């Protein structure tokens, strides 16, 4: 397993985007394997998934690419394709989140060369209709993981700027926090991001080998765990458990009390 994105259903099933094997794997919150299904784009061609998110109806949105194209695909929880739309092909990984209040699909996109990337968030309707772009003016660089909190605010981690950017539900920039370093409140290559029921922000601080919690204003609260190598994604279960994917260990960790 090469786990990247992760999401958790209201029923407590963990859905892991297994990029290396081009599939979604499903586990219980106790870590028991339940089922799996392949990620297929057009013409039966398998797609490498980059991220996965749950919508308000309990269906999955998966983003990724084949060799020649990028896609966003909606599946039910058993792996049946419901709909899909094309995305610009990119050599960069991309993330997905769902604004369940507006039923919008938010997808990160990074373009440009490795020495000068440009990151932004694209907002779509479920049928693939483009709605708007978020974050064009903030100088964001390499965006992968994204989440939407209960108030509709958009939170995105910029790996190369070592920062978390916050926008309101209309896409207006509110603030950012982090900055490169290993000190309190600093980040190095932040990857996965999610929020808990209180609106606190949880970040996979990859190169600092830790998962950190901040309040909704970006103030550092605590380290949830440390010394975890090559962190990827984080997701909160409705029951309060934190799920973390780990690229190097090829595994998923579940924290019940933190």
C-alpha atoms as a PDB file:
ATOM      1  CA  UNK A   1       0.000   0.000   0.000  1.00  0.00           C
ATOM      2  CA  UNK A   2       1.145   3.528  -0.874  1.00  0.00           C
ATOM      3  CA  UNK A   3      -1.337   5.589   1.143  1.00  0.00           C
ATOM      4  CA  UNK A   4      -1.875   9.251   0.323  1.00  0.00           C
ATOM      5  CA  UNK A   5      -5.296  10.850   0.893  1.00  0.00           C
ATOM      6  CA  UNK A   6      -7.767   9.630   3.502  1.00  0.00           C
ATOM      7  CA  UNK A   7     -11.337  10.340   4.580  1.00  0.00           C
ATOM      8  CA  UNK A   8     -13.748   8.814   7.099  1.00  0.00           C
ATOM      9  CA  UNK A   9     -17.472   8.217   6.626  1.00  0.00           C
ATOM     10  CA  UNK A  10     -20.099   9.070   9.240  1.00  0.00           C
ATOM     11  CA  UNK A  11     -20.425   5.324   9.840  1.00  0.00           C
ATOM     12  CA  UNK A  12     -16.737   5.109  10.750  1.00  0.00           C
ATOM     13  CA  UNK A  13     -15.279   3.509   7.624  1.00  0.00           C
ATOM     14  CA  UNK A  14     -11.820   4.752   6.613  1.00  0.00           C
ATOM     15  CA  UNK A  15     -11.255   5.254   2.870  1.00  0.00           C
ATOM     16  CA  UNK A  16      -7.578   5.374   1.865  1.00  0.00           C
ATOM     17  CA  UNK A  17      -6.307   6.482  -1.542  1.00  0.00           C
ATOM     18  CA  UNK A  18      -3.659   3.844  -2.321  1.00  0.00           C
ATOM     19  CA  UNK A  19      -1.712   5.546  -5.081  1.00  0.00           C
ATOM     20  CA  UNK A  20       0.825   2.793  -5.712  1.00  0.00           C
ATOM     21  CA  UNK A  21      -1.859   0.194  -6.326  1.00  0.00           C
ATOM     22  CA  UNK A  22      -4.353   2.577  -7.980  1.00  0.00           C
ATOM     23  CA  UNK A  23      -7.217   1.685  -5.677  1.00  0.00           C
ATOM     24  CA  UNK A  24      -9.258   2.742  -2.659  1.00  0.00           C
ATOM     25  CA  UNK A  25      -8.896   0.552   0.419  1.00  0.00           C
ATOM     26  CA  UNK A  26     -11.525   0.566   3.165  1.00  0.00           C
ATOM     27  CA  UNK A  27     -10.890  -0.184   6.854  1.00  0.00           C
ATOM     28  CA  UNK A  28     -12.778   0.009  10.123  1.00  0.00           C
ATOM     29  CA  UNK A  29     -11.682   2.391  12.888  1.00  0.00           C
ATOM     30  CA  UNK A  30     -10.172  -0.663  14.551  1.00  0.00           C
ATOM     31  CA  UNK A  31      -7.931  -1.150  11.514  1.00  0.00           C
ATOM     32  CA  UNK A  32      -9.695  -4.193  10.053  1.00  0.00           C
ATOM     33  CA  UNK A  33      -9.662  -4.422   6.254  1.00  0.00           C
ATOM     34  CA  UNK A  34     -13.175  -4.337   4.789  1.00  0.00           C
ATOM     35  CA  UNK A  35     -12.945  -4.087   0.988  1.00  0.00           C
ATOM     36  CA  UNK A  36     -11.193  -2.369  -1.901  1.00  0.00           C
ATOM     37  CA  UNK A  37     -11.992  -1.170  -5.394  1.00  0.00           C
ATOM     38  CA  UNK A  38      -9.906   0.037  -8.348  1.00  0.00           C
ATOM     39  CA  UNK A  39      -9.763   3.676  -9.411  1.00  0.00           C
ATOM     40  CA  UNK A  40     -10.815   3.803 -13.040  1.00  0.00           C
ATOM     41  CA  UNK A  41     -11.001   6.861 -15.293  1.00  0.00           C
ATOM     42  CA  UNK A  42     -12.197   6.870 -18.892  1.00  0.00           C
ATOM     43  CA  UNK A  43     -12.186   3.777 -21.065  1.00  0.00           C
ATOM     44  CA  UNK A  44     -11.409   1.485 -18.161  1.00  0.00           C
ATOM     45  CA  UNK A  45      -7.961   3.012 -17.742  1.00  0.00           C
ATOM     46  CA  UNK A  46      -6.692   2.914 -14.168  1.00  0.00           C
ATOM     47  CA  UNK A  47      -5.973   6.222 -12.462  1.00  0.00           C
ATOM     48  CA  UNK A  48      -3.416   7.020  -9.767  1.00  0.00           C
ATOM     49  CA  UNK A  49      -5.402   8.615  -6.925  1.00  0.00           C
ATOM     50  CA  UNK A  50      -3.915  11.639  -5.162  1.00  0.00           C
ATOM     51  CA  UNK A  51      -6.657  12.345  -2.637  1.00  0.00           C
ATOM     52  CA  UNK A  52     -10.161  11.383  -1.557  1.00  0.00           C
ATOM     53  CA  UNK A  53     -13.009  13.252   0.159  1.00  0.00           C
ATOM     54  CA  UNK A  54     -16.541  12.496   1.337  1.00  0.00           C
ATOM     55  CA  UNK A  55     -19.522  14.553   0.171  1.00  0.00           C
ATOM     56  CA  UNK A  56     -22.724  15.340   2.028  1.00  0.00           C
ATOM     57  CA  UNK A  57     -24.536  12.307   0.599  1.00  0.00           C
ATOM     58  CA  UNK A  58     -21.896   9.828   1.716  1.00  0.00           C
ATOM     59  CA  UNK A  59     -20.292   9.418  -1.708  1.00  0.00           C
ATOM     60  CA  UNK A  60     -16.578   9.735  -2.465  1.00  0.00           C
ATOM     61  CA  UNK A  61     -14.728  12.180  -4.667  1.00  0.00           C
ATOM     62  CA  UNK A  62     -11.320  10.999  -5.880  1.00  0.00           C
ATOM     63  CA  UNK A  63      -8.822  13.132  -7.817  1.00  0.00           C
ATOM     64  CA  UNK A  64      -5.807  11.840  -9.686  1.00  0.00           C
ATOM     65  CA  UNK A  65      -4.397  11.237 -13.120  1.00  0.00           C
ATOM     66  CA  UNK A  66      -3.688   8.721 -15.789  1.00  0.00           C
ATOM     67  CA  UNK A  67      -0.601   9.051 -17.951  1.00  0.00           C
ATOM     68  CA  UNK A  68      -2.221  11.644 -20.167  1.00  0.00           C
ATOM     69  CA  UNK A  69      -5.077  13.301 -18.272  1.00  0.00           C
ATOM     70  CA  UNK A  70      -6.399  14.374 -14.886  1.00  0.00           C
ATOM     71  CA  UNK A  71      -9.821  13.487 -13.506  1.00  0.00           C
ATOM     72  CA  UNK A  72     -12.232  14.000 -10.645  1.00  0.00           C
ATOM     73  CA  UNK A  73     -14.409  10.911 -10.161  1.00  0.00           C
ATOM     74  CA  UNK A  74     -17.376  10.408  -7.844  1.00  0.00           C
ATOM     75  CA  UNK A  75     -17.950   6.898  -6.456  1.00  0.00           C
ATOM     76  CA  UNK A  76     -20.443   5.414  -4.091  1.00  0.00           C
ATOM     77  CA  UNK A  77     -18.956   3.682  -1.055  1.00  0.00           C
ATOM     78  CA  UNK A  78     -18.973   0.320  -2.852  1.00  0.00           C
ATOM     79  CA  UNK A  79     -16.849   1.652  -5.724  1.00  0.00           C
ATOM     80  CA  UNK A  80     -19.446   2.268  -8.435  1.00  0.00           C
ATOM     81  CA  UNK A  81     -18.691   5.287 -10.624  1.00  0.00           C
ATOM     82  CA  UNK A  82     -21.443   7.886 -10.384  1.00  0.00           C
ATOM     83  CA  UNK A  83     -19.941  10.724 -12.430  1.00  0.00           C
ATOM     84  CA  UNK A  84     -16.635  12.248 -13.462  1.00  0.00           C
ATOM     85  CA  UNK A  85     -15.137  15.298 -15.089  1.00  0.00           C
ATOM     86  CA  UNK A  86     -11.801  16.162 -16.646  1.00  0.00           C
ATOM     87  CA  UNK A  87      -9.038  18.186 -15.012  1.00  0.00           C
ATOM     88  CA  UNK A  88      -5.971  19.792 -16.479  1.00  0.00           C
ATOM     89  CA  UNK A  89      -3.108  17.271 -16.613  1.00  0.00           C
ATOM     90  CA  UNK A  90      -0.443  18.201 -14.081  1.00  0.00           C
ATOM     91  CA  UNK A  91       2.812  16.693 -12.920  1.00  0.00           C
ATOM     92  CA  UNK A  92       1.955  17.867  -9.410  1.00  0.00           C
ATOM     93  CA  UNK A  93      -0.218  16.051  -6.908  1.00  0.00           C
ATOM     94  CA  UNK A  94      -3.613  17.575  -6.143  1.00  0.00           C
ATOM     95  CA  UNK A  95      -6.119  17.410  -3.302  1.00  0.00           C
ATOM     96  CA  UNK A  96      -9.893  17.463  -3.006  1.00  0.00           C
ATOM     97  CA  UNK A  97     -12.435  18.631  -0.439  1.00  0.00           C
ATOM     98  CA  UNK A  98     -16.202  19.105  -0.477  1.00  0.00           C
ATOM     99  CA  UNK A  99     -18.119  22.141   0.735  1.00  0.00           C
ATOM    100  CA  UNK A 100     -21.213  20.230   1.838  1.00  0.00           C
ATOM    101  CA  UNK A 101     -23.154  23.433   2.547  1.00  0.00           C
ATOM    102  CA  UNK A 102     -22.952  24.562  -1.074  1.00  0.00           C
ATOM    103  CA  UNK A 103     -22.300  21.160  -2.642  1.00  0.00           C
ATOM    104  CA  UNK A 104     -19.117  22.417  -4.281  1.00  0.00           C
ATOM    105  CA  UNK A 105     -16.049  20.318  -5.087  1.00  0.00           C
ATOM    106  CA  UNK A 106     -12.766  22.088  -4.277  1.00  0.00           C
ATOM    107  CA  UNK A 107      -9.608  20.845  -5.990  1.00  0.00           C
ATOM    108  CA  UNK A 108      -6.060  22.127  -5.586  1.00  0.00           C
ATOM    109  CA  UNK A 109      -4.074  22.769  -8.722  1.00  0.00           C
ATOM    110  CA  UNK A 110      -0.376  23.519  -9.111  1.00  0.00           C
ATOM    111  CA  UNK A 111       1.041  24.581 -12.471  1.00  0.00           C
ATOM    112  CA  UNK A 112       4.401  25.773 -13.733  1.00  0.00           C
ATOM    113  CA  UNK A 113       7.904  24.399 -13.574  1.00  0.00           C
ATOM    114  CA  UNK A 114       9.529  23.011 -10.446  1.00  0.00           C
ATOM    115  CA  UNK A 115      11.545  26.193  -9.944  1.00  0.00           C
ATOM    116  CA  UNK A 116       8.480  28.455 -10.165  1.00  0.00           C
ATOM    117  CA  UNK A 117       5.195  26.733  -9.295  1.00  0.00           C
ATOM    118  CA  UNK A 118       1.865  28.501  -8.896  1.00  0.00           C
ATOM    119  CA  UNK A 119      -0.886  27.080  -6.708  1.00  0.00           C
ATOM    120  CA  UNK A 120      -4.609  27.835  -6.600  1.00  0.00           C
ATOM    121  CA  UNK A 121      -7.916  26.215  -5.681  1.00  0.00           C
ATOM    122  CA  UNK A 122     -10.516  25.417  -8.327  1.00  0.00           C
ATOM    123  CA  UNK A 123     -14.192  25.233  -7.332  1.00  0.00           C
ATOM    124  CA  UNK A 124     -16.621  23.077  -9.313  1.00  0.00           C
ATOM    125  CA  UNK A 125     -20.222  21.964  -9.186  1.00  0.00           C
ATOM    126  CA  UNK A 126     -20.642  18.168  -9.003  1.00  0.00           C
ATOM    127  CA  UNK A 127     -21.424  18.063 -12.735  1.00  0.00           C
ATOM    128  CA  UNK A 128     -18.012  19.573 -13.478  1.00  0.00           C
ATOM    129  CA  UNK A 129     -19.206  23.113 -14.108  1.00  0.00           C
ATOM    130  CA  UNK A 130     -16.441  25.540 -13.152  1.00  0.00           C
ATOM    131  CA  UNK A 131     -17.532  27.991 -10.430  1.00  0.00           C
ATOM    132  CA  UNK A 132     -14.473  30.090  -9.525  1.00  0.00           C
ATOM    133  CA  UNK A 133     -10.796  30.143  -8.640  1.00  0.00           C
ATOM    134  CA  UNK A 134      -9.588  30.816  -5.095  1.00  0.00           C
ATOM    135  CA  UNK A 135      -6.179  32.082  -4.021  1.00  0.00           C
ATOM    136  CA  UNK A 136      -4.730  33.515  -7.202  1.00  0.00           C
ATOM    137  CA  UNK A 137      -3.286  36.594  -5.487  1.00  0.00           C
ATOM    138  CA  UNK A 138      -1.633  35.083  -2.400  1.00  0.00           C
ATOM    139  CA  UNK A 139       1.552  33.786  -4.028  1.00  0.00           C
ATOM    140  CA  UNK A 140       0.805  30.190  -3.122  1.00  0.00           C
ATOM    141  CA  UNK A 141       3.159  27.638  -4.670  1.00  0.00           C
ATOM    142  CA  UNK A 142       2.691  23.885  -4.264  1.00  0.00           C
ATOM    143  CA  UNK A 143      -0.741  22.953  -2.968  1.00  0.00           C
ATOM    144  CA  UNK A 144      -1.798  19.389  -2.292  1.00  0.00           C
ATOM    145  CA  UNK A 145      -4.112  18.844   0.661  1.00  0.00           C
ATOM    146  CA  UNK A 146      -7.219  20.907   1.377  1.00  0.00           C
ATOM    147  CA  UNK A 147     -10.195  20.844   3.717  1.00  0.00           C
ATOM    148  CA  UNK A 148     -13.388  22.808   4.391  1.00  0.00           C
ATOM    149  CA  UNK A 149     -14.478  23.430   7.975  1.00  0.00           C
ATOM    150  CA  UNK A 150     -18.020  23.466   9.341  1.00  0.00           C
ATOM    151  CA  UNK A 151     -18.359  27.201   8.675  1.00  0.00           C
ATOM    152  CA  UNK A 152     -17.407  26.747   5.024  1.00  0.00           C
ATOM    153  CA  UNK A 153     -13.919  28.214   5.390  1.00  0.00           C
ATOM    154  CA  UNK A 154     -11.323  26.799   2.998  1.00  0.00           C
ATOM    155  CA  UNK A 155      -7.995  25.646   4.476  1.00  0.00           C
ATOM    156  CA  UNK A 156      -5.121  24.637   2.236  1.00  0.00           C
ATOM    157  CA  UNK A 157      -1.530  23.623   2.976  1.00  0.00           C
ATOM    158  CA  UNK A 158       1.235  25.111   0.829  1.00  0.00           C
ATOM    159  CA  UNK A 159       4.130  22.675   0.929  1.00  0.00           C
ATOM    160  CA  UNK A 160       6.735  25.000  -0.552  1.00  0.00           C
ATOM    161  CA  UNK A 161       5.702  28.110   1.402  1.00  0.00           C
ATOM    162  CA  UNK A 162       5.511  26.002   4.603  1.00  0.00           C
ATOM    163  CA  UNK A 163       2.220  27.697   5.472  1.00  0.00           C
ATOM    164  CA  UNK A 164      -1.511  27.163   5.905  1.00  0.00           C
ATOM    165  CA  UNK A 165      -3.789  29.571   4.011  1.00  0.00           C
ATOM    166  CA  UNK A 166      -7.348  30.272   5.158  1.00  0.00           C
ATOM    167  CA  UNK A 167     -10.127  31.659   2.937  1.00  0.00           C
ATOM    168  CA  UNK A 168     -13.784  32.247   3.725  1.00  0.00           C
ATOM    169  CA  UNK A 169     -16.563  30.376   1.945  1.00  0.00           C
ATOM    170  CA  UNK A 170     -16.648  32.995  -0.820  1.00  0.00           C
ATOM    171  CA  UNK A 171     -12.943  32.594  -1.479  1.00  0.00           C
ATOM    172  CA  UNK A 172     -11.778  35.789   0.210  1.00  0.00           C
ATOM    173  CA  UNK A 173      -8.358  35.483   1.846  1.00  0.00           C
ATOM    174  CA  UNK A 174      -8.490  35.710   5.644  1.00  0.00           C
ATOM    175  CA  UNK A 175      -4.994  34.884   6.960  1.00  0.00           C
ATOM    176  CA  UNK A 176      -2.131  32.420   6.877  1.00  0.00           C
ATOM    177  CA  UNK A 177       0.070  30.870   9.557  1.00  0.00           C
ATOM    178  CA  UNK A 178       3.139  28.686   9.898  1.00  0.00           C
ATOM    179  CA  UNK A 179       6.355  29.641   8.149  1.00  0.00           C
ATOM    180  CA  UNK A 180       9.445  27.519   7.643  1.00  0.00           C
ATOM    181  CA  UNK A 181      11.108  26.192  10.767  1.00  0.00           C
ATOM    182  CA  UNK A 182      10.921  23.665  13.573  1.00  0.00           C
ATOM    183  CA  UNK A 183       9.948  26.030  16.387  1.00  0.00           C
ATOM    184  CA  UNK A 184       6.583  26.312  18.063  1.00  0.00           C
ATOM    185  CA  UNK A 185       3.955  27.139  15.451  1.00  0.00           C
ATOM    186  CA  UNK A 186       6.357  26.699  12.539  1.00  0.00           C
ATOM    187  CA  UNK A 187       6.009  24.156   9.744  1.00  0.00           C
ATOM    188  CA  UNK A 188       8.199  22.353   7.238  1.00  0.00           C
ATOM    189  CA  UNK A 189       6.516  20.872   4.170  1.00  0.00           C
ATOM    190  CA  UNK A 190       2.995  20.706   5.646  1.00  0.00           C
ATOM    191  CA  UNK A 191       0.872  18.047   3.975  1.00  0.00           C
ATOM    192  CA  UNK A 192      -2.474  16.787   5.264  1.00  0.00           C
ATOM    193  CA  UNK A 193      -4.916  19.120   6.978  1.00  0.00           C
ATOM    194  CA  UNK A 194      -8.284  18.674   8.692  1.00  0.00           C
ATOM    195  CA  UNK A 195     -10.390  20.259  11.436  1.00  0.00           C
ATOM    196  CA  UNK A 196     -12.050  18.787  14.520  1.00  0.00           C
ATOM    197  CA  UNK A 197     -15.516  19.429  15.908  1.00  0.00           C
ATOM    198  CA  UNK A 198     -14.342  22.539  17.780  1.00  0.00           C
ATOM    199  CA  UNK A 199     -12.828  24.051  14.640  1.00  0.00           C
ATOM    200  CA  UNK A 200      -9.238  23.373  15.680  1.00  0.00           C
ATOM    201  CA  UNK A 201      -6.858  22.827  12.762  1.00  0.00           C
ATOM    202  CA  UNK A 202      -4.760  19.647  12.573  1.00  0.00           C
ATOM    203  CA  UNK A 203      -1.716  19.637  10.280  1.00  0.00           C
ATOM    204  CA  UNK A 204       0.646  16.859   9.200  1.00  0.00           C
ATOM    205  CA  UNK A 205       3.958  18.703   9.598  1.00  0.00           C
ATOM    206  CA  UNK A 206       5.859  16.303   7.379  1.00  0.00           C
ATOM    207  CA  UNK A 207       9.528  17.342   7.568  1.00  0.00           C
ATOM    208  CA  UNK A 208       9.271  18.071  11.290  1.00  0.00           C
ATOM    209  CA  UNK A 209       7.898  14.538  11.729  1.00  0.00           C
ATOM    210  CA  UNK A 210       4.939  15.636  13.827  1.00  0.00           C
ATOM    211  CA  UNK A 211       1.206  16.258  13.774  1.00  0.00           C
ATOM    212  CA  UNK A 212       0.184  19.562  15.332  1.00  0.00           C
ATOM    213  CA  UNK A 213      -3.008  21.203  16.490  1.00  0.00           C
ATOM    214  CA  UNK A 214      -3.781  24.920  16.090  1.00  0.00           C
ATOM    215  CA  UNK A 215      -6.891  26.837  17.043  1.00  0.00           C
ATOM    216  CA  UNK A 216      -9.116  28.395  14.382  1.00  0.00           C
ATOM    217  CA  UNK A 217      -7.014  31.597  14.432  1.00  0.00           C
ATOM    218  CA  UNK A 218      -3.791  29.698  13.731  1.00  0.00           C
ATOM    219  CA  UNK A 219      -2.477  29.798  17.305  1.00  0.00           C
ATOM    220  CA  UNK A 220      -0.416  26.723  18.205  1.00  0.00           C
ATOM    221  CA  UNK A 221      -2.074  24.481  20.793  1.00  0.00           C
ATOM    222  CA  UNK A 222      -0.107  21.224  21.011  1.00  0.00           C
ATOM    223  CA  UNK A 223       1.790  18.398  19.349  1.00  0.00           C
ATOM    224  CA  UNK A 224      -0.511  15.413  18.848  1.00  0.00           C
ATOM    225  CA  UNK A 225       2.319  13.058  17.962  1.00  0.00           C
ATOM    226  CA  UNK A 226       5.993  13.325  17.074  1.00  0.00           C
ATOM    227  CA  UNK A 227       8.680  11.263  15.333  1.00  0.00           C
ATOM    228  CA  UNK A 228       6.426  10.064  12.496  1.00  0.00           C
ATOM    229  CA  UNK A 229       8.376   9.846   9.238  1.00  0.00           C
ATOM    230  CA  UNK A 230       6.925  10.916   5.852  1.00  0.00           C
ATOM    231  CA  UNK A 231       3.461  11.893   6.963  1.00  0.00           C
ATOM    232  CA  UNK A 232       0.819  12.338   4.307  1.00  0.00           C
ATOM    233  CA  UNK A 233      -2.847  12.952   5.074  1.00  0.00           C
ATOM    234  CA  UNK A 234      -4.974  13.424   8.190  1.00  0.00           C
ATOM    235  CA  UNK A 235      -8.723  13.013   8.695  1.00  0.00           C
ATOM    236  CA  UNK A 236     -11.108  13.263  11.650  1.00  0.00           C
ATOM    237  CA  UNK A 237     -13.812  10.698  12.306  1.00  0.00           C
ATOM    238  CA  UNK A 238     -17.165  11.958  13.593  1.00  0.00           C
ATOM    239  CA  UNK A 239     -16.534   9.907  16.738  1.00  0.00           C
ATOM    240  CA  UNK A 240     -13.379  11.975  17.409  1.00  0.00           C
ATOM    241  CA  UNK A 241     -10.625   9.638  16.223  1.00  0.00           C
ATOM    242  CA  UNK A 242      -7.748  11.017  14.161  1.00  0.00           C
ATOM    243  CA  UNK A 243      -6.573   9.010  11.136  1.00  0.00           C
ATOM    244  CA  UNK A 244      -3.080   9.560   9.678  1.00  0.00           C
ATOM    245  CA  UNK A 245      -1.513   8.062   6.544  1.00  0.00           C
ATOM    246  CA  UNK A 246       2.209   7.373   6.443  1.00  0.00           C
ATOM    247  CA  UNK A 247       4.056   7.034   3.141  1.00  0.00           C
ATOM    248  CA  UNK A 248       7.245   5.428   4.414  1.00  0.00           C
ATOM    249  CA  UNK A 249       5.549   2.953   6.715  1.00  0.00           C
ATOM    250  CA  UNK A 250       2.905   2.206   4.059  1.00  0.00           C
ATOM    251  CA  UNK A 251       0.328   2.253   6.824  1.00  0.00           C
ATOM    252  CA  UNK A 252      -2.525   4.069   8.499  1.00  0.00           C
ATOM    253  CA  UNK A 253      -2.425   5.150  12.155  1.00  0.00           C
ATOM    254  CA  UNK A 254      -5.542   5.753  14.255  1.00  0.00           C
ATOM    255  CA  UNK A 255      -5.405   7.914  17.387  1.00  0.00           C
ATOM    256  CA  UNK A 256      -8.286   7.472  19.812  1.00  0.00           C
ATOM    257  CA  UNK A 257      -7.226   9.806  22.599  1.00  0.00           C
ATOM    258  CA  UNK A 258      -5.258  12.962  21.968  1.00  0.00           C
END
